[in-house]
């Protein structure tokens, strides 16, 4: 059984359920905290599992959900003629022009 470390440094077993011949693993839970500025940090292994640094925040009465938002660069395979650097440059120029007005 996998073990993870608690904040005190002790190893804590991963959760799992065994019923007869069936075995179900429950994903390890990560606990994050929010600092005084309202920021939270996703653990590195979670951040690295997604090819993005942007997330959509969805909420219900009792749940906050982060949904990865794919970057334009990840779409290059779908649109091979897309020049992403030119798109970013043109966008930055448009923003600068709007701010100057």
PDB file of N, CA and C in Angstrom:
ATOM      1  N   UNK A   1       0.851  -1.184   0.000  1.00  0.00           N
ATOM      2  CA  UNK A   1       0.000   0.000   0.000  1.00  0.00           C
ATOM      3  C   UNK A   1       0.889   1.235   0.000  1.00  0.00           C
ATOM      4  N   UNK A   2       0.543   2.208  -0.847  1.00  0.00           N
ATOM      5  CA  UNK A   2       1.293   3.449  -0.893  1.00  0.00           C
ATOM      6  C   UNK A   2       1.171   4.185   0.428  1.00  0.00           C
ATOM      7  N   UNK A   3       2.209   4.917   0.743  1.00  0.00           N
ATOM      8  CA  UNK A   3       2.170   5.741   1.940  1.00  0.00           C
ATOM      9  C   UNK A   3       2.541   7.160   1.540  1.00  0.00           C
ATOM     10  N   UNK A   4       1.983   8.107   2.219  1.00  0.00           N
ATOM     11  CA  UNK A   4       2.339   9.496   1.986  1.00  0.00           C
ATOM     12  C   UNK A   4       2.735  10.101   3.317  1.00  0.00           C
ATOM     13  N   UNK A   5       3.378  11.232   3.289  1.00  0.00           N
ATOM     14  CA  UNK A   5       3.822  11.874   4.523  1.00  0.00           C
ATOM     15  C   UNK A   5       2.806  12.932   4.960  1.00  0.00           C
ATOM     16  N   UNK A   6       2.560  12.983   6.256  1.00  0.00           N
ATOM     17  CA  UNK A   6       1.698  14.034   6.793  1.00  0.00           C
ATOM     18  C   UNK A   6       2.546  15.278   7.011  1.00  0.00           C
ATOM     19  N   UNK A   7       1.922  16.364   7.452  1.00  0.00           N
ATOM     20  CA  UNK A   7       2.665  17.603   7.693  1.00  0.00           C
ATOM     21  C   UNK A   7       3.697  17.419   8.792  1.00  0.00           C
ATOM     22  N   UNK A   8       3.483  16.475   9.701  1.00  0.00           N
ATOM     23  CA  UNK A   8       4.439  16.233  10.772  1.00  0.00           C
ATOM     24  C   UNK A   8       5.588  15.350  10.318  1.00  0.00           C
ATOM     25  N   UNK A   9       5.522  14.881   9.045  1.00  0.00           N
ATOM     26  CA  UNK A   9       6.590  14.048   8.522  1.00  0.00           C
ATOM     27  C   UNK A   9       6.327  12.558   8.654  1.00  0.00           C
ATOM     28  N   UNK A  10       5.257  12.174   9.365  1.00  0.00           N
ATOM     29  CA  UNK A  10       4.923  10.752   9.504  1.00  0.00           C
ATOM     30  C   UNK A  10       4.320  10.246   8.219  1.00  0.00           C
ATOM     31  N   UNK A  11       4.564   8.973   7.915  1.00  0.00           N
ATOM     32  CA  UNK A  11       3.950   8.380   6.733  1.00  0.00           C
ATOM     33  C   UNK A  11       2.523   7.981   7.055  1.00  0.00           C
ATOM     34  N   UNK A  12       1.598   8.318   6.128  1.00  0.00           N
ATOM     35  CA  UNK A  12       0.181   8.020   6.296  1.00  0.00           C
ATOM     36  C   UNK A  12      -0.238   7.127   5.133  1.00  0.00           C
ATOM     37  N   UNK A  13      -0.911   5.989   5.396  1.00  0.00           N
ATOM     38  CA  UNK A  13      -1.286   5.105   4.291  1.00  0.00           C
ATOM     39  C   UNK A  13      -2.331   5.736   3.389  1.00  0.00           C
ATOM     40  N   UNK A  14      -2.264   5.388   2.092  1.00  0.00           N
ATOM     41  CA  UNK A  14      -3.292   5.811   1.147  1.00  0.00           C
ATOM     42  C   UNK A  14      -4.575   5.077   1.484  1.00  0.00           C
ATOM     43  N   UNK A  15      -5.691   5.670   1.189  1.00  0.00           N
ATOM     44  CA  UNK A  15      -6.971   5.046   1.489  1.00  0.00           C
ATOM     45  C   UNK A  15      -7.302   3.988   0.449  1.00  0.00           C
ATOM     46  N   UNK A  16      -7.861   2.868   0.864  1.00  0.00           N
ATOM     47  CA  UNK A  16      -8.330   1.856  -0.075  1.00  0.00           C
ATOM     48  C   UNK A  16      -9.442   1.066   0.578  1.00  0.00           C
ATOM     49  N   UNK A  17     -10.259   0.431  -0.256  1.00  0.00           N
ATOM     50  CA  UNK A  17     -11.394  -0.355   0.208  1.00  0.00           C
ATOM     51  C   UNK A  17     -11.282  -1.738  -0.404  1.00  0.00           C
ATOM     52  N   UNK A  18     -11.489  -2.770   0.395  1.00  0.00           N
ATOM     53  CA  UNK A  18     -11.439  -4.140  -0.110  1.00  0.00           C
ATOM     54  C   UNK A  18     -12.767  -4.819   0.191  1.00  0.00           C
ATOM     55  N   UNK A  19     -13.439  -5.316  -0.835  1.00  0.00           N
ATOM     56  CA  UNK A  19     -14.698  -6.043  -0.673  1.00  0.00           C
ATOM     57  C   UNK A  19     -14.574  -7.376  -1.375  1.00  0.00           C
ATOM     58  N   UNK A  20     -14.506  -8.437  -0.630  1.00  0.00           N
ATOM     59  CA  UNK A  20     -14.374  -9.754  -1.242  1.00  0.00           C
ATOM     60  C   UNK A  20     -13.170  -9.789  -2.149  1.00  0.00           C
ATOM     61  N   UNK A  21     -13.375 -10.078  -3.424  1.00  0.00           N
ATOM     62  CA  UNK A  21     -12.259 -10.132  -4.365  1.00  0.00           C
ATOM     63  C   UNK A  21     -12.037  -8.796  -5.065  1.00  0.00           C
ATOM     64  N   UNK A  22     -12.907  -7.808  -4.819  1.00  0.00           N
ATOM     65  CA  UNK A  22     -12.765  -6.502  -5.459  1.00  0.00           C
ATOM     66  C   UNK A  22     -11.949  -5.572  -4.572  1.00  0.00           C
ATOM     67  N   UNK A  23     -11.181  -4.726  -5.183  1.00  0.00           N
ATOM     68  CA  UNK A  23     -10.374  -3.757  -4.454  1.00  0.00           C
ATOM     69  C   UNK A  23     -10.512  -2.410  -5.140  1.00  0.00           C
ATOM     70  N   UNK A  24     -10.790  -1.379  -4.389  1.00  0.00           N
ATOM     71  CA  UNK A  24     -10.969  -0.045  -4.931  1.00  0.00           C
ATOM     72  C   UNK A  24      -9.986   0.889  -4.252  1.00  0.00           C
ATOM     73  N   UNK A  25      -9.233   1.625  -5.015  1.00  0.00           N
ATOM     74  CA  UNK A  25      -8.324   2.615  -4.438  1.00  0.00           C
ATOM     75  C   UNK A  25      -8.994   3.971  -4.459  1.00  0.00           C
ATOM     76  N   UNK A  26      -8.905   4.663  -3.366  1.00  0.00           N
ATOM     77  CA  UNK A  26      -9.415   6.019  -3.266  1.00  0.00           C
ATOM     78  C   UNK A  26      -8.219   6.933  -3.490  1.00  0.00           C
ATOM     79  N   UNK A  27      -8.312   7.898  -4.420  1.00  0.00           N
ATOM     80  CA  UNK A  27      -7.166   8.771  -4.680  1.00  0.00           C
ATOM     81  C   UNK A  27      -6.692   9.453  -3.406  1.00  0.00           C
ATOM     82  N   UNK A  28      -5.379   9.641  -3.312  1.00  0.00           N
ATOM     83  CA  UNK A  28      -4.849  10.351  -2.156  1.00  0.00           C
ATOM     84  C   UNK A  28      -5.397  11.766  -2.157  1.00  0.00           C
ATOM     85  N   UNK A  29      -5.730  12.231  -1.003  1.00  0.00           N
ATOM     86  CA  UNK A  29      -6.262  13.582  -0.888  1.00  0.00           C
ATOM     87  C   UNK A  29      -5.126  14.532  -0.580  1.00  0.00           C
ATOM     88  N   UNK A  30      -5.177  15.682  -1.168  1.00  0.00           N
ATOM     89  CA  UNK A  30      -4.205  16.736  -0.892  1.00  0.00           C
ATOM     90  C   UNK A  30      -4.945  17.850  -0.173  1.00  0.00           C
ATOM     91  N   UNK A  31      -4.390  18.303   0.914  1.00  0.00           N
ATOM     92  CA  UNK A  31      -4.958  19.421   1.651  1.00  0.00           C
ATOM     93  C   UNK A  31      -4.113  20.644   1.352  1.00  0.00           C
ATOM     94  N   UNK A  32      -4.748  21.711   0.871  1.00  0.00           N
ATOM     95  CA  UNK A  32      -4.039  22.959   0.596  1.00  0.00           C
ATOM     96  C   UNK A  32      -4.621  24.043   1.496  1.00  0.00           C
ATOM     97  N   UNK A  33      -3.830  25.054   1.737  1.00  0.00           N
ATOM     98  CA  UNK A  33      -4.296  26.169   2.559  1.00  0.00           C
ATOM     99  C   UNK A  33      -4.290  27.444   1.723  1.00  0.00           C
ATOM    100  N   UNK A  34      -5.028  28.414   2.178  1.00  0.00           N
ATOM    101  CA  UNK A  34      -5.113  29.705   1.516  1.00  0.00           C
ATOM    102  C   UNK A  34      -4.384  30.717   2.394  1.00  0.00           C
ATOM    103  N   UNK A  35      -3.481  31.509   1.790  1.00  0.00           N
ATOM    104  CA  UNK A  35      -2.733  32.484   2.581  1.00  0.00           C
ATOM    105  C   UNK A  35      -3.566  33.738   2.816  1.00  0.00           C
ATOM    106  N   UNK A  36      -2.999  34.694   3.510  1.00  0.00           N
ATOM    107  CA  UNK A  36      -3.728  35.920   3.866  1.00  0.00           C
ATOM    108  C   UNK A  36      -4.158  36.727   2.645  1.00  0.00           C
ATOM    109  N   UNK A  37      -3.461  36.540   1.524  1.00  0.00           N
ATOM    110  CA  UNK A  37      -3.797  37.261   0.291  1.00  0.00           C
ATOM    111  C   UNK A  37      -4.850  36.527  -0.532  1.00  0.00           C
ATOM    112  N   UNK A  38      -5.308  35.381  -0.053  1.00  0.00           N
ATOM    113  CA  UNK A  38      -6.329  34.621  -0.767  1.00  0.00           C
ATOM    114  C   UNK A  38      -5.776  33.654  -1.796  1.00  0.00           C
ATOM    115  N   UNK A  39      -4.454  33.427  -1.792  1.00  0.00           N
ATOM    116  CA  UNK A  39      -3.836  32.531  -2.765  1.00  0.00           C
ATOM    117  C   UNK A  39      -3.752  31.121  -2.205  1.00  0.00           C
ATOM    118  N   UNK A  40      -3.899  30.156  -3.105  1.00  0.00           N
ATOM    119  CA  UNK A  40      -3.652  28.775  -2.719  1.00  0.00           C
ATOM    120  C   UNK A  40      -2.662  28.192  -3.711  1.00  0.00           C
ATOM    121  N   UNK A  41      -1.854  27.256  -3.249  1.00  0.00           N
ATOM    122  CA  UNK A  41      -0.839  26.658  -4.098  1.00  0.00           C
ATOM    123  C   UNK A  41      -1.205  25.202  -4.326  1.00  0.00           C
ATOM    124  N   UNK A  42      -1.296  24.822  -5.611  1.00  0.00           N
ATOM    125  CA  UNK A  42      -1.539  23.424  -5.936  1.00  0.00           C
ATOM    126  C   UNK A  42      -0.226  22.676  -5.815  1.00  0.00           C
ATOM    127  N   UNK A  43      -0.233  21.495  -5.213  1.00  0.00           N
ATOM    128  CA  UNK A  43       1.002  20.711  -5.111  1.00  0.00           C
ATOM    129  C   UNK A  43       1.596  20.446  -6.493  1.00  0.00           C
ATOM    130  N   UNK A  44       2.933  20.379  -6.557  1.00  0.00           N
ATOM    131  CA  UNK A  44       3.640  20.256  -7.822  1.00  0.00           C
ATOM    132  C   UNK A  44       3.188  19.057  -8.638  1.00  0.00           C
ATOM    133  N   UNK A  45       2.954  17.899  -7.978  1.00  0.00           N
ATOM    134  CA  UNK A  45       2.564  16.724  -8.763  1.00  0.00           C
ATOM    135  C   UNK A  45       1.193  16.920  -9.415  1.00  0.00           C
ATOM    136  N   UNK A  46       0.332  17.716  -8.830  1.00  0.00           N
ATOM    137  CA  UNK A  46      -0.961  18.015  -9.443  1.00  0.00           C
ATOM    138  C   UNK A  46      -0.763  19.006 -10.586  1.00  0.00           C
ATOM    139  N   UNK A  47       0.020  20.076 -10.348  1.00  0.00           N
ATOM    140  CA  UNK A  47       0.275  21.063 -11.407  1.00  0.00           C
ATOM    141  C   UNK A  47       0.908  20.410 -12.624  1.00  0.00           C
ATOM    142  N   UNK A  48       1.847  19.514 -12.401  1.00  0.00           N
ATOM    143  CA  UNK A  48       2.565  18.885 -13.512  1.00  0.00           C
ATOM    144  C   UNK A  48       1.698  17.914 -14.312  1.00  0.00           C
ATOM    145  N   UNK A  49       0.603  17.457 -13.742  1.00  0.00           N
ATOM    146  CA  UNK A  49      -0.246  16.511 -14.463  1.00  0.00           C
ATOM    147  C   UNK A  49      -1.150  17.201 -15.489  1.00  0.00           C
ATOM    148  N   UNK A  50      -1.167  18.541 -15.491  1.00  0.00           N
ATOM    149  CA  UNK A  50      -1.955  19.306 -16.454  1.00  0.00           C
ATOM    150  C   UNK A  50      -1.021  20.179 -17.269  1.00  0.00           C
ATOM    151  N   UNK A  51      -1.303  20.337 -18.544  1.00  0.00           N
ATOM    152  CA  UNK A  51      -0.455  21.152 -19.419  1.00  0.00           C
ATOM    153  C   UNK A  51      -1.008  22.575 -19.498  1.00  0.00           C
ATOM    154  N   UNK A  52      -1.200  23.189 -18.337  1.00  0.00           N
ATOM    155  CA  UNK A  52      -1.752  24.539 -18.293  1.00  0.00           C
ATOM    156  C   UNK A  52      -1.438  25.190 -16.963  1.00  0.00           C
ATOM    157  N   UNK A  53      -1.524  26.496 -16.927  1.00  0.00           N
ATOM    158  CA  UNK A  53      -1.409  27.216 -15.667  1.00  0.00           C
ATOM    159  C   UNK A  53      -2.661  28.059 -15.416  1.00  0.00           C
ATOM    160  N   UNK A  54      -3.732  27.733 -16.157  1.00  0.00           N
ATOM    161  CA  UNK A  54      -5.013  28.429 -16.014  1.00  0.00           C
ATOM    162  C   UNK A  54      -6.101  27.415 -15.689  1.00  0.00           C
ATOM    163  N   UNK A  55      -6.966  27.784 -14.753  1.00  0.00           N
ATOM    164  CA  UNK A  55      -8.056  26.909 -14.349  1.00  0.00           C
ATOM    165  C   UNK A  55      -9.342  27.708 -14.233  1.00  0.00           C
ATOM    166  N   UNK A  56     -10.417  27.105 -14.674  1.00  0.00           N
ATOM    167  CA  UNK A  56     -11.747  27.692 -14.485  1.00  0.00           C
ATOM    168  C   UNK A  56     -12.213  27.284 -13.092  1.00  0.00           C
ATOM    169  N   UNK A  57     -12.775  28.224 -12.357  1.00  0.00           N
ATOM    170  CA  UNK A  57     -13.282  27.931 -11.019  1.00  0.00           C
ATOM    171  C   UNK A  57     -14.790  27.751 -11.114  1.00  0.00           C
ATOM    172  N   UNK A  58     -15.265  26.585 -10.700  1.00  0.00           N
ATOM    173  CA  UNK A  58     -16.707  26.299 -10.669  1.00  0.00           C
ATOM    174  C   UNK A  58     -17.094  26.058  -9.219  1.00  0.00           C
ATOM    175  N   UNK A  59     -18.235  26.580  -8.831  1.00  0.00           N
ATOM    176  CA  UNK A  59     -18.674  26.402  -7.450  1.00  0.00           C
ATOM    177  C   UNK A  59     -20.126  25.960  -7.387  1.00  0.00           C
ATOM    178  N   UNK A  60     -20.427  25.226  -6.343  1.00  0.00           N
ATOM    179  CA  UNK A  60     -21.801  24.904  -5.966  1.00  0.00           C
ATOM    180  C   UNK A  60     -21.923  25.296  -4.500  1.00  0.00           C
ATOM    181  N   UNK A  61     -22.986  24.901  -3.860  1.00  0.00           N
ATOM    182  CA  UNK A  61     -23.151  25.261  -2.449  1.00  0.00           C
ATOM    183  C   UNK A  61     -22.018  24.735  -1.583  1.00  0.00           C
ATOM    184  N   UNK A  62     -21.530  23.527  -1.892  1.00  0.00           N
ATOM    185  CA  UNK A  62     -20.553  22.911  -0.995  1.00  0.00           C
ATOM    186  C   UNK A  62     -19.255  22.473  -1.663  1.00  0.00           C
ATOM    187  N   UNK A  63     -19.063  22.831  -2.936  1.00  0.00           N
ATOM    188  CA  UNK A  63     -17.885  22.348  -3.655  1.00  0.00           C
ATOM    189  C   UNK A  63     -17.252  23.479  -4.460  1.00  0.00           C
ATOM    190  N   UNK A  64     -15.925  23.531  -4.430  1.00  0.00           N
ATOM    191  CA  UNK A  64     -15.158  24.399  -5.315  1.00  0.00           C
ATOM    192  C   UNK A  64     -14.371  23.467  -6.216  1.00  0.00           C
ATOM    193  N   UNK A  65     -14.490  23.663  -7.520  1.00  0.00           N
ATOM    194  CA  UNK A  65     -13.845  22.766  -8.485  1.00  0.00           C
ATOM    195  C   UNK A  65     -12.949  23.590  -9.406  1.00  0.00           C
ATOM    196  N   UNK A  66     -11.732  23.113  -9.638  1.00  0.00           N
ATOM    197  CA  UNK A  66     -10.822  23.742 -10.589  1.00  0.00           C
ATOM    198  C   UNK A  66     -10.779  22.882 -11.834  1.00  0.00           C
ATOM    199  N   UNK A  67     -11.107  23.475 -12.987  1.00  0.00           N
ATOM    200  CA  UNK A  67     -11.128  22.754 -14.253  1.00  0.00           C
ATOM    201  C   UNK A  67     -10.027  23.328 -15.141  1.00  0.00           C
ATOM    202  N   UNK A  68      -9.076  22.489 -15.592  1.00  0.00           N
ATOM    203  CA  UNK A  68      -7.987  23.005 -16.411  1.00  0.00           C
ATOM    204  C   UNK A  68      -8.492  23.640 -17.700  1.00  0.00           C
ATOM    205  N   UNK A  69      -7.891  24.773 -18.073  1.00  0.00           N
ATOM    206  CA  UNK A  69      -8.196  25.453 -19.327  1.00  0.00           C
ATOM    207  C   UNK A  69      -6.996  25.239 -20.232  1.00  0.00           C
ATOM    208  N   UNK A  70      -7.226  24.626 -21.384  1.00  0.00           N
ATOM    209  CA  UNK A  70      -6.124  24.345 -22.303  1.00  0.00           C
ATOM    210  C   UNK A  70      -5.568  25.642 -22.870  1.00  0.00           C
ATOM    211  N   UNK A  71      -4.258  25.675 -22.998  1.00  0.00           N
ATOM    212  CA  UNK A  71      -3.598  26.846 -23.557  1.00  0.00           C
ATOM    213  C   UNK A  71      -3.701  26.831 -25.079  1.00  0.00           C
ATOM    214  N   UNK A  72      -3.496  27.991 -25.693  1.00  0.00           N
ATOM    215  CA  UNK A  72      -3.504  28.052 -27.157  1.00  0.00           C
ATOM    216  C   UNK A  72      -2.415  27.165 -27.746  1.00  0.00           C
ATOM    217  N   UNK A  73      -1.280  27.083 -27.075  1.00  0.00           N
ATOM    218  CA  UNK A  73      -0.177  26.251 -27.565  1.00  0.00           C
ATOM    219  C   UNK A  73      -0.577  24.790 -27.672  1.00  0.00           C
ATOM    220  N   UNK A  74      -1.461  24.320 -26.789  1.00  0.00           N
ATOM    221  CA  UNK A  74      -1.873  22.916 -26.832  1.00  0.00           C
ATOM    222  C   UNK A  74      -2.748  22.627 -28.053  1.00  0.00           C
ATOM    223  N   UNK A  75      -3.269  23.672 -28.690  1.00  0.00           N
ATOM    224  CA  UNK A  75      -4.117  23.496 -29.868  1.00  0.00           C
ATOM    225  C   UNK A  75      -3.323  23.445 -31.172  1.00  0.00           C
ATOM    226  N   UNK A  76      -2.012  23.612 -31.106  1.00  0.00           N
ATOM    227  CA  UNK A  76      -1.212  23.658 -32.323  1.00  0.00           C
ATOM    228  C   UNK A  76      -1.375  22.417 -33.182  1.00  0.00           C
ATOM    229  N   UNK A  77      -1.521  21.242 -32.573  1.00  0.00           N
ATOM    230  CA  UNK A  77      -1.722  20.028 -33.357  1.00  0.00           C
ATOM    231  C   UNK A  77      -3.023  20.062 -34.133  1.00  0.00           C
ATOM    232  N   UNK A  78      -4.046  20.695 -33.575  1.00  0.00           N
ATOM    233  CA  UNK A  78      -5.342  20.773 -34.246  1.00  0.00           C
ATOM    234  C   UNK A  78      -5.333  21.815 -35.362  1.00  0.00           C
ATOM    235  N   UNK A  79      -4.519  22.846 -35.210  1.00  0.00           N
ATOM    236  CA  UNK A  79      -4.442  23.923 -36.194  1.00  0.00           C
ATOM    237  C   UNK A  79      -2.972  24.140 -36.559  1.00  0.00           C
ATOM    238  N   UNK A  80      -2.425  23.314 -37.442  1.00  0.00           N
ATOM    239  CA  UNK A  80      -0.990  23.361 -37.716  1.00  0.00           C
ATOM    240  C   UNK A  80      -0.490  24.673 -38.308  1.00  0.00           C
ATOM    241  N   UNK A  81      -1.327  25.453 -38.966  1.00  0.00           N
ATOM    242  CA  UNK A  81      -0.893  26.708 -39.569  1.00  0.00           C
ATOM    243  C   UNK A  81      -0.995  27.891 -38.607  1.00  0.00           C
ATOM    244  N   UNK A  82      -1.387  27.630 -37.398  1.00  0.00           N
ATOM    245  CA  UNK A  82      -1.563  28.680 -36.405  1.00  0.00           C
ATOM    246  C   UNK A  82      -0.201  29.175 -35.918  1.00  0.00           C
ATOM    247  N   UNK A  83       0.071  30.469 -36.065  1.00  0.00           N
ATOM    248  CA  UNK A  83       1.315  31.069 -35.581  1.00  0.00           C
ATOM    249  C   UNK A  83       1.026  31.722 -34.235  1.00  0.00           C
ATOM    250  N   UNK A  84       1.229  30.962 -33.181  1.00  0.00           N
ATOM    251  CA  UNK A  84       0.848  31.397 -31.843  1.00  0.00           C
ATOM    252  C   UNK A  84       1.622  32.630 -31.390  1.00  0.00           C
ATOM    253  N   UNK A  85       2.897  32.732 -31.766  1.00  0.00           N
ATOM    254  CA  UNK A  85       3.697  33.882 -31.350  1.00  0.00           C
ATOM    255  C   UNK A  85       3.152  35.177 -31.960  1.00  0.00           C
ATOM    256  N   UNK A  86       2.716  35.119 -33.222  1.00  0.00           N
ATOM    257  CA  UNK A  86       2.128  36.294 -33.865  1.00  0.00           C
ATOM    258  C   UNK A  86       0.810  36.668 -33.195  1.00  0.00           C
ATOM    259  N   UNK A  87       0.018  35.680 -32.841  1.00  0.00           N
ATOM    260  CA  UNK A  87      -1.256  35.945 -32.168  1.00  0.00           C
ATOM    261  C   UNK A  87      -1.013  36.647 -30.835  1.00  0.00           C
ATOM    262  N   UNK A  88      -0.057  36.142 -30.042  1.00  0.00           N
ATOM    263  CA  UNK A  88       0.256  36.773 -28.759  1.00  0.00           C
ATOM    264  C   UNK A  88       0.779  38.201 -28.969  1.00  0.00           C
ATOM    265  N   UNK A  89       1.650  38.403 -29.965  1.00  0.00           N
ATOM    266  CA  UNK A  89       2.213  39.719 -30.242  1.00  0.00           C
ATOM    267  C   UNK A  89       1.113  40.700 -30.627  1.00  0.00           C
ATOM    268  N   UNK A  90       0.214  40.286 -31.534  1.00  0.00           N
ATOM    269  CA  UNK A  90      -0.882  41.151 -31.952  1.00  0.00           C
ATOM    270  C   UNK A  90      -1.816  41.471 -30.786  1.00  0.00           C
ATOM    271  N   UNK A  91      -2.053  40.487 -29.945  1.00  0.00           N
ATOM    272  CA  UNK A  91      -2.911  40.714 -28.772  1.00  0.00           C
ATOM    273  C   UNK A  91      -2.273  41.743 -27.848  1.00  0.00           C
ATOM    274  N   UNK A  92      -0.971  41.586 -27.573  1.00  0.00           N
ATOM    275  CA  UNK A  92      -0.284  42.531 -26.700  1.00  0.00           C
ATOM    276  C   UNK A  92      -0.315  43.942 -27.280  1.00  0.00           C
ATOM    277  N   UNK A  93      -0.149  44.062 -28.599  1.00  0.00           N
ATOM    278  CA  UNK A  93      -0.205  45.380 -29.249  1.00  0.00           C
ATOM    279  C   UNK A  93      -1.592  45.989 -29.118  1.00  0.00           C
ATOM    280  N   UNK A  94      -2.637  45.173 -29.297  1.00  0.00           N
ATOM    281  CA  UNK A  94      -4.023  45.660 -29.155  1.00  0.00           C
ATOM    282  C   UNK A  94      -4.272  46.160 -27.722  1.00  0.00           C
ATOM    283  N   UNK A  95      -3.781  45.412 -26.745  1.00  0.00           N
ATOM    284  CA  UNK A  95      -3.976  45.802 -25.353  1.00  0.00           C
ATOM    285  C   UNK A  95      -3.265  47.127 -25.074  1.00  0.00           C
ATOM    286  N   UNK A  96      -2.030  47.258 -25.565  1.00  0.00           N
ATOM    287  CA  UNK A  96      -1.287  48.515 -25.376  1.00  0.00           C
ATOM    288  C   UNK A  96      -2.011  49.701 -26.000  1.00  0.00           C
ATOM    289  N   UNK A  97      -2.577  49.506 -27.195  1.00  0.00           N
ATOM    290  CA  UNK A  97      -3.316  50.581 -27.863  1.00  0.00           C
ATOM    291  C   UNK A  97      -4.558  50.967 -27.066  1.00  0.00           C
ATOM    292  N   UNK A  98      -5.267  49.974 -26.542  1.00  0.00           N
ATOM    293  CA  UNK A  98      -6.477  50.254 -25.759  1.00  0.00           C
ATOM    294  C   UNK A  98      -6.119  50.994 -24.469  1.00  0.00           C
ATOM    295  N   UNK A  99      -5.003  50.620 -23.842  1.00  0.00           N
ATOM    296  CA  UNK A  99      -4.602  51.285 -22.593  1.00  0.00           C
ATOM    297  C   UNK A  99      -4.162  52.727 -22.857  1.00  0.00           C
ATOM    298  N   UNK A 100      -3.603  52.981 -24.049  1.00  0.00           N
ATOM    299  CA  UNK A 100      -3.122  54.334 -24.391  1.00  0.00           C
ATOM    300  C   UNK A 100      -4.280  55.283 -24.652  1.00  0.00           C
ATOM    301  N   UNK A 101      -5.436  54.766 -25.028  1.00  0.00           N
ATOM    302  CA  UNK A 101      -6.597  55.630 -25.357  1.00  0.00           C
ATOM    303  C   UNK A 101      -7.243  56.200 -24.132  1.00  0.00           C
TER     304      UNK A 101
END
